[in-house]
Amino acid sequence: MKIKILLLPFLFLVSFSLLAQKAHKTENIVLVTLDGLRWQEVFGGAADSLLNDPAHVPDTVQLQGLFAASSAEERREKLLPFFWKIIAKQGQLYGNRWKGNKVNCTNNFWFSYPGYNEIFSGHADPNIDSNDKIWNPNVTILEWLNKLPEYQGKVAAFGSWDVFPYIINKRRSGIPVNAGFETAQSDNLTAKEIFLNELLPQMPSPWATVRLDAFTHHYALEYLKRQHPKALYIAYGETDDFAHDGRYDHYLKSARQTSNWLEELWSYLQKDPFYQDKTTLLITTDHGRGDRPKSAWKSHGKSYKGSDAIWLAVIGPDTPALGAVNENGQLFQNQIAKTVAAFLGLDYENVQKVGAVIQSAMR
């Protein structure tokens, strides 16, 4: 009788462990960033003060027809339909500061390289204080995954900005990073990839270091279909660059186009048996932007108050459908790396202390 009683706790723990493993469904992760997209537009749609300003919108009438509405809920759905028609019903969105829900950078610079390093490594690095092309000394979650037998050779990254090979440290990590004006390289390219390779040098970009996001999106999607990576990163860049140019019209149109691309991506993930009901999509940004005075929306960094305010969206088989989380709360950019690993059932650690797992994002 005593032996049976002693066995009961052991059998309970084994059963509980097996049940937990069965309940955990995520086997693949797709991490996406929209460079410099403000939380104000994510949760409120197009800002009326900018929408009606000819200094930032050459054709205000046309843009009002596309993005204006009587409520913030309508405006944000017009701007980011995938976020508000799908993620808001099936996943979670964090960072609505009007409701007291906050997501912030912990780095003190509030621009791109420091933000991406924090996202990937799980901690802020005071030595990364510029956007210069320096090889990242920190091991990222992507590199960490790529060292594991189950993920080795199954991690990839695509970005519009040509600094991503350095941020992810392509040289040390061995991760394939297609960024900037690089073409797709493989012995078995799809017909679309071959076409994109021909088109890329023929299409002038408005910027010297950033290609148009259409190339990044379609290169990434074709690679996803061809190679079936288990961890994929996609970095869209136009929102930040159009903002710096002071073109609120292009900023909004780019944001909506990216939302449509993300819907296309999610739709594919839900149809492919390799990814269907086994993949989590996590979307965020590297930094915020200024808000006051009105012209500060074009810029970010320590000189622009609010540039550390960001947002986060997540959808997948292990994420409760909480929608827009409006309760008071505080999350940080340094929590993303460990959360990515946790979705895969892994415990990410780095040399430096990393942010904690976002427990509310998973069951």
Protein backbone atom coordinates (compact mmCIF):
# COMPACT_ATOMS: atom_id res chain seq x y z
CA MET A 1 0.00 0.00 0.00
CA LYS A 2 2.83 2.40 0.88
CA ILE A 3 4.50 1.74 -2.50
CA LYS A 4 1.27 2.58 -4.33
CA ILE A 5 0.87 5.80 -2.36
CA LEU A 6 4.45 6.86 -3.15
CA LEU A 7 3.92 6.16 -6.84
CA LEU A 8 0.84 8.37 -7.10
CA PRO A 9 2.69 11.73 -7.06
CA PHE A 10 5.20 10.41 -9.59
CA LEU A 11 2.47 9.19 -11.93
CA PHE A 12 0.66 12.52 -11.55
CA LEU A 13 3.79 14.47 -12.51
CA VAL A 14 4.44 12.26 -15.53
CA SER A 15 0.82 12.60 -16.69
CA PHE A 16 0.90 16.37 -16.18
CA SER A 17 4.16 16.66 -18.15
CA LEU A 18 2.76 14.64 -21.05
CA LEU A 19 -0.41 16.74 -21.02
CA ALA A 20 1.65 19.95 -21.10
CA GLN A 21 3.69 18.68 -24.04
CA LYS A 22 0.51 17.76 -25.90
CA ALA A 23 -1.02 21.18 -25.19
CA HIS A 24 2.03 22.99 -26.58
CA LYS A 25 1.53 23.21 -30.35
CA THR A 26 4.04 25.74 -31.73
CA GLU A 27 6.85 24.10 -33.70
CA ASN A 28 7.75 27.06 -35.94
CA ILE A 29 8.12 30.80 -35.37
CA VAL A 30 7.87 33.77 -37.73
CA LEU A 31 9.12 37.06 -36.29
CA VAL A 32 8.25 40.24 -38.19
CA THR A 33 9.15 43.90 -37.66
CA LEU A 34 7.69 47.04 -39.23
CA ASP A 35 10.42 49.62 -38.83
CA GLY A 36 9.37 52.71 -36.88
CA LEU A 37 5.60 52.21 -37.16
CA ARG A 38 4.06 54.22 -34.31
CA TRP A 39 1.73 52.75 -31.73
CA GLN A 40 -0.54 55.77 -32.35
CA GLU A 41 -1.36 54.50 -35.86
CA VAL A 42 -1.56 50.86 -34.78
CA PHE A 43 -4.26 51.61 -32.21
CA GLY A 44 -5.81 54.78 -33.61
CA GLY A 45 -5.34 54.62 -37.36
CA ALA A 46 -4.41 57.69 -39.38
CA ALA A 47 -3.95 60.80 -37.25
CA ASP A 48 -6.36 63.56 -38.29
CA SER A 49 -3.82 66.28 -37.52
CA LEU A 50 -1.47 64.83 -40.15
CA LEU A 51 -4.10 63.51 -42.53
CA ASN A 52 -5.41 67.04 -43.07
CA ASP A 53 -2.01 68.71 -43.32
CA PRO A 54 -0.84 69.48 -46.90
CA ALA A 55 2.72 69.79 -45.58
CA HIS A 56 2.72 66.04 -44.89
CA VAL A 57 0.04 64.86 -47.33
CA PRO A 58 0.10 66.30 -50.89
CA ASP A 59 -3.39 64.97 -51.71
CA THR A 60 -5.43 65.16 -48.50
CA VAL A 61 -8.73 64.42 -50.24
CA GLN A 62 -7.51 61.13 -51.68
CA LEU A 63 -5.94 60.03 -48.42
CA GLN A 64 -9.03 60.88 -46.41
CA GLY A 65 -11.02 58.62 -48.69
CA LEU A 66 -8.63 55.79 -47.93
CA PHE A 67 -8.04 56.21 -44.21
CA ALA A 68 -10.43 58.72 -42.60
CA ALA A 69 -13.30 57.54 -40.38
CA SER A 70 -15.36 58.83 -37.47
CA SER A 71 -13.77 56.60 -34.83
CA ALA A 72 -10.33 55.28 -33.95
CA GLU A 73 -11.66 51.73 -34.27
CA GLU A 74 -12.74 52.32 -37.86
CA ARG A 75 -9.56 54.18 -38.78
CA ARG A 76 -7.23 51.50 -37.45
CA GLU A 77 -9.16 48.77 -39.26
CA LYS A 78 -8.85 50.70 -42.51
CA LEU A 79 -5.12 51.11 -41.98
CA LEU A 80 -4.22 47.64 -40.68
CA PRO A 81 -7.03 45.25 -41.60
CA PHE A 82 -5.06 42.08 -40.79
CA PHE A 83 -4.31 43.38 -37.30
CA TRP A 84 -7.88 44.33 -36.49
CA LYS A 85 -9.93 41.79 -38.40
CA ILE A 86 -7.81 38.74 -37.63
CA ILE A 87 -5.23 39.26 -34.87
CA ALA A 88 -7.69 41.22 -32.71
CA LYS A 89 -10.10 38.27 -32.87
CA GLN A 90 -7.68 35.34 -32.76
CA GLY A 91 -4.55 36.72 -31.07
CA GLN A 92 -3.29 39.62 -28.96
CA LEU A 93 -2.13 43.22 -29.37
CA TYR A 94 -0.14 45.13 -26.74
CA GLY A 95 0.88 48.78 -26.49
CA ASN A 96 -2.32 50.85 -26.47
CA ARG A 97 -1.08 53.59 -24.17
CA TRP A 98 -4.44 55.36 -24.31
CA LYS A 99 -5.73 52.38 -22.30
CA GLY A 100 -2.71 52.23 -19.99
CA ASN A 101 -1.12 49.26 -21.74
CA LYS A 102 2.56 49.94 -22.48
CA VAL A 103 5.46 48.36 -24.34
CA ASN A 104 8.84 50.11 -24.15
CA CYS A 105 12.44 49.79 -25.29
CA THR A 106 14.96 49.36 -22.48
CA ASN A 107 17.85 50.67 -24.59
CA ASN A 108 18.52 54.39 -24.22
CA PHE A 109 18.94 55.28 -27.90
CA TRP A 110 15.51 54.68 -29.48
CA PHE A 111 16.64 54.04 -33.02
CA SER A 112 17.10 51.01 -35.23
CA TYR A 113 20.28 49.01 -34.53
CA PRO A 114 19.97 49.29 -30.72
CA GLY A 115 16.30 48.30 -31.01
CA TYR A 116 16.91 45.30 -33.23
CA ASN A 117 19.75 44.14 -31.02
CA GLU A 118 17.41 44.31 -28.02
CA ILE A 119 14.71 42.36 -29.86
CA PHE A 120 17.12 39.65 -30.94
CA SER A 121 19.50 39.35 -27.99
CA GLY A 122 17.02 39.97 -25.18
CA HIS A 123 19.00 42.81 -23.64
CA ALA A 124 20.08 46.36 -24.37
CA ASP A 125 23.74 46.93 -25.21
CA PRO A 126 25.06 50.44 -24.42
CA ASN A 127 27.97 49.83 -26.81
CA ILE A 128 25.61 49.58 -29.76
CA ASP A 129 24.99 53.30 -30.09
CA SER A 130 24.82 53.85 -33.86
CA ASN A 131 23.41 52.37 -37.07
CA ASP A 132 26.89 51.69 -38.38
CA LYS A 133 27.66 48.40 -40.11
CA ILE A 134 29.44 46.68 -37.23
CA TRP A 135 29.22 42.95 -36.63
CA ASN A 136 26.94 42.43 -33.65
CA PRO A 137 29.01 41.04 -30.74
CA ASN A 138 25.84 39.69 -29.10
CA VAL A 139 24.43 36.25 -29.86
CA THR A 140 20.87 36.69 -31.11
CA ILE A 141 17.92 34.35 -30.58
CA LEU A 142 18.24 33.45 -34.27
CA GLU A 143 21.88 32.43 -33.87
CA TRP A 144 21.08 30.62 -30.62
CA LEU A 145 18.37 28.60 -32.38
CA ASN A 146 20.62 27.87 -35.34
CA LYS A 147 23.12 26.19 -33.02
CA LEU A 148 20.52 23.67 -31.85
CA PRO A 149 20.43 20.41 -33.87
CA GLU A 150 16.68 20.67 -34.49
CA TYR A 151 17.00 24.16 -35.97
CA GLN A 152 20.44 24.14 -37.57
CA GLY A 153 20.11 25.20 -41.20
CA LYS A 154 16.41 25.95 -40.65
CA VAL A 155 16.72 29.61 -39.63
CA ALA A 156 16.65 32.48 -42.14
CA ALA A 157 16.21 36.26 -42.27
CA PHE A 158 15.02 38.79 -44.85
CA GLY A 159 15.20 42.55 -44.49
CA SER A 160 14.88 45.68 -46.58
CA TRP A 161 17.70 47.49 -44.74
CA ASP A 162 21.24 46.55 -45.71
CA VAL A 163 22.49 46.56 -42.10
CA PHE A 164 20.69 43.33 -41.14
CA PRO A 165 23.56 41.00 -42.11
CA TYR A 166 25.59 42.83 -39.44
CA ILE A 167 22.83 42.94 -36.82
CA ILE A 168 22.24 39.19 -37.14
CA ASN A 169 25.99 38.70 -37.66
CA LYS A 170 25.68 36.60 -40.78
CA ARG A 171 29.45 35.98 -40.76
CA ARG A 172 29.53 34.34 -37.33
CA SER A 173 26.05 32.84 -37.08
CA GLY A 174 25.99 31.20 -40.51
CA ILE A 175 22.36 32.24 -40.93
CA PRO A 176 21.33 33.14 -44.49
CA VAL A 177 20.36 36.82 -44.47
CA ASN A 178 18.92 38.36 -47.62
CA ALA A 179 18.86 42.12 -47.11
CA GLY A 180 19.31 45.44 -48.83
CA PHE A 181 19.85 45.00 -52.55
CA GLU A 182 20.94 41.36 -52.41
CA THR A 183 19.30 38.94 -54.82
CA ALA A 184 18.18 35.40 -53.97
CA GLN A 185 20.98 32.83 -54.19
CA SER A 186 20.21 29.11 -54.65
CA ASP A 187 20.55 26.26 -57.11
CA ASN A 188 16.78 25.72 -57.11
CA LEU A 189 15.26 29.18 -57.31
CA THR A 190 11.57 29.43 -58.11
CA ALA A 191 10.37 31.24 -61.23
CA LYS A 192 9.26 34.18 -59.06
CA GLU A 193 12.68 34.43 -57.39
CA ILE A 194 14.38 34.48 -60.79
CA PHE A 195 12.02 37.25 -61.88
CA LEU A 196 12.65 39.23 -58.67
CA ASN A 197 16.40 38.91 -59.24
CA GLU A 198 15.99 40.40 -62.70
CA LEU A 199 13.66 43.16 -61.50
CA LEU A 200 15.55 44.31 -58.39
CA PRO A 201 18.41 46.14 -60.18
CA GLN A 202 15.91 47.68 -62.59
CA MET A 203 13.77 49.26 -59.87
CA PRO A 204 15.30 52.38 -58.32
CA SER A 205 14.72 52.72 -54.59
CA PRO A 206 14.22 56.15 -53.02
CA TRP A 207 16.95 55.25 -50.52
CA ALA A 208 20.56 54.18 -50.83
CA THR A 209 20.50 51.55 -48.08
CA VAL A 210 16.91 50.27 -48.15
CA ARG A 211 15.18 48.37 -50.95
CA LEU A 212 11.43 48.48 -51.50
CA ASP A 213 9.54 46.13 -49.18
CA ALA A 214 7.85 44.29 -52.05
CA PHE A 215 11.16 42.56 -52.77
CA THR A 216 11.72 41.63 -49.14
CA HIS A 217 8.21 40.23 -48.79
CA HIS A 218 8.19 38.12 -51.94
CA TYR A 219 11.75 36.86 -51.45
CA ALA A 220 10.80 35.77 -47.93
CA LEU A 221 7.54 34.13 -48.98
CA GLU A 222 9.17 32.21 -51.82
CA TYR A 223 11.94 31.02 -49.49
CA LEU A 224 9.30 29.95 -46.97
CA LYS A 225 7.56 27.84 -49.60
CA ARG A 226 10.79 26.41 -50.99
CA GLN A 227 12.84 25.73 -47.86
CA HIS A 228 10.29 25.51 -45.00
CA PRO A 229 12.46 27.11 -42.31
CA LYS A 230 11.40 26.54 -38.70
CA ALA A 231 12.39 30.07 -37.66
CA LEU A 232 12.01 32.98 -40.07
CA TYR A 233 12.55 36.71 -39.59
CA ILE A 234 11.12 39.36 -41.95
CA ALA A 235 11.98 43.05 -41.58
CA TYR A 236 9.90 45.58 -43.51
CA GLY A 237 11.49 49.03 -43.64
CA GLU A 238 9.44 51.49 -45.70
CA THR A 239 7.35 52.91 -42.87
CA ASP A 240 10.43 54.35 -41.18
CA ASP A 241 12.00 55.76 -44.33
CA PHE A 242 8.81 57.35 -45.64
CA ALA A 243 8.34 58.91 -42.21
CA HIS A 244 11.83 60.39 -42.29
CA ASP A 245 10.96 61.79 -45.72
CA GLY A 246 7.92 63.49 -44.18
CA ARG A 247 5.52 61.63 -46.49
CA TYR A 248 2.63 60.66 -44.24
CA ASP A 249 0.67 59.47 -47.28
CA HIS A 250 3.37 56.97 -48.26
CA TYR A 251 3.86 55.98 -44.61
CA LEU A 252 0.17 55.06 -44.31
CA LYS A 253 -0.03 53.29 -47.66
CA SER A 254 3.08 51.28 -46.85
CA ALA A 255 1.65 50.27 -43.47
CA ARG A 256 -1.57 49.05 -45.08
CA GLN A 257 0.28 47.20 -47.81
CA THR A 258 2.41 45.46 -45.19
CA SER A 259 -0.75 44.50 -43.31
CA ASN A 260 -2.05 42.93 -46.51
CA TRP A 261 1.22 41.06 -47.01
CA LEU A 262 1.05 39.74 -43.47
CA GLU A 263 -2.44 38.46 -44.16
CA GLU A 264 -1.08 36.70 -47.25
CA LEU A 265 1.73 35.24 -45.15
CA TRP A 266 -0.63 34.07 -42.39
CA SER A 267 -3.03 32.58 -44.93
CA TYR A 268 -0.19 30.55 -46.42
CA LEU A 269 0.96 29.39 -42.98
CA GLN A 270 -2.55 28.13 -42.29
CA LYS A 271 -2.67 26.10 -45.53
CA ASP A 272 0.76 24.49 -45.70
CA PRO A 273 0.71 21.21 -43.68
CA PHE A 274 4.26 21.95 -42.45
CA TYR A 275 3.07 25.15 -40.73
CA GLN A 276 -0.69 24.73 -40.26
CA ASP A 277 -1.73 25.04 -36.59
CA LYS A 278 1.94 24.68 -35.60
CA THR A 279 3.26 28.20 -36.20
CA THR A 280 3.25 31.38 -34.13
CA LEU A 281 3.54 34.81 -35.77
CA LEU A 282 4.96 37.62 -33.63
CA ILE A 283 5.02 41.20 -34.96
CA THR A 284 6.64 44.29 -33.41
CA THR A 285 8.76 47.36 -34.16
CA ASP A 286 12.28 48.52 -33.33
CA HIS A 287 11.35 51.96 -31.99
CA GLY A 288 8.58 54.53 -31.80
CA ARG A 289 8.48 58.08 -33.09
CA GLY A 290 7.89 61.57 -31.77
CA ASP A 291 4.38 62.92 -31.27
CA ARG A 292 4.67 66.57 -30.20
CA PRO A 293 5.12 68.95 -31.88
CA LYS A 294 3.24 67.52 -34.84
CA SER A 295 6.32 67.48 -37.08
CA ALA A 296 8.10 65.18 -34.57
CA TRP A 297 6.34 62.15 -36.11
CA LYS A 298 9.06 62.21 -38.78
CA SER A 299 11.83 61.52 -36.26
CA HIS A 300 12.87 59.36 -33.33
CA GLY A 301 15.70 59.03 -30.85
CA LYS A 302 16.40 60.50 -27.41
CA SER A 303 15.59 64.02 -28.59
CA TYR A 304 12.02 62.99 -29.43
CA LYS A 305 9.87 62.13 -26.44
CA GLY A 306 7.92 58.90 -26.86
CA SER A 307 10.34 57.27 -29.28
CA ASP A 308 10.81 54.39 -26.81
CA ALA A 309 7.08 53.55 -26.95
CA ILE A 310 6.47 50.49 -29.13
CA TRP A 311 3.83 47.76 -29.63
CA LEU A 312 3.55 44.01 -30.04
CA ALA A 313 1.13 41.63 -31.77
CA VAL A 314 1.03 37.83 -31.62
CA ILE A 315 -1.14 35.11 -33.09
CA GLY A 316 -0.74 31.34 -33.09
CA PRO A 317 -1.97 28.02 -31.70
CA ASP A 318 -0.64 28.67 -28.18
CA THR A 319 -1.86 32.27 -27.83
CA PRO A 320 -5.19 32.95 -26.07
CA ALA A 321 -7.52 35.16 -28.09
CA LEU A 322 -7.45 38.22 -25.83
CA GLY A 323 -7.54 40.75 -28.66
CA ALA A 324 -6.37 44.26 -27.83
CA VAL A 325 -5.11 44.05 -24.26
CA ASN A 326 -6.51 47.20 -22.66
CA GLU A 327 -5.66 46.50 -19.03
CA ASN A 328 -2.89 48.51 -17.39
CA GLY A 329 0.35 46.70 -17.93
CA GLN A 330 4.00 47.06 -18.89
CA LEU A 331 6.03 44.95 -21.30
CA PHE A 332 9.51 45.55 -22.67
CA GLN A 333 11.33 44.99 -25.93
CA ASN A 334 13.90 42.79 -24.17
CA GLN A 335 11.20 40.18 -23.46
CA ILE A 336 10.72 39.22 -27.09
CA ALA A 337 13.73 36.91 -27.52
CA LYS A 338 12.92 34.71 -24.55
CA THR A 339 9.25 34.65 -25.54
CA VAL A 340 10.16 33.47 -29.06
CA ALA A 341 12.10 30.58 -27.51
CA ALA A 342 9.32 29.80 -25.04
CA PHE A 343 6.83 29.38 -27.86
CA LEU A 344 9.16 26.67 -29.19
CA GLY A 345 9.34 25.05 -25.75
CA LEU A 346 12.90 26.31 -25.15
CA ASP A 347 14.56 28.39 -22.43
CA TYR A 348 16.67 31.09 -24.07
CA GLU A 349 19.64 32.39 -22.12
CA ASN A 350 22.39 34.82 -23.05
CA VAL A 351 25.60 36.15 -21.53
CA GLN A 352 23.66 39.15 -20.25
CA LYS A 353 20.42 38.89 -18.30
CA VAL A 354 17.49 38.80 -20.72
CA GLY A 355 13.90 39.95 -20.35
CA ALA A 356 11.31 37.52 -18.99
CA VAL A 357 8.85 35.49 -21.05
CA ILE A 358 5.57 37.29 -21.81
CA GLN A 359 3.43 34.73 -20.01
CA SER A 360 0.09 36.18 -21.06
CA ALA A 361 0.98 35.58 -24.74
CA MET A 362 0.82 31.80 -24.32
CA ARG A 363 -1.44 29.29 -22.70
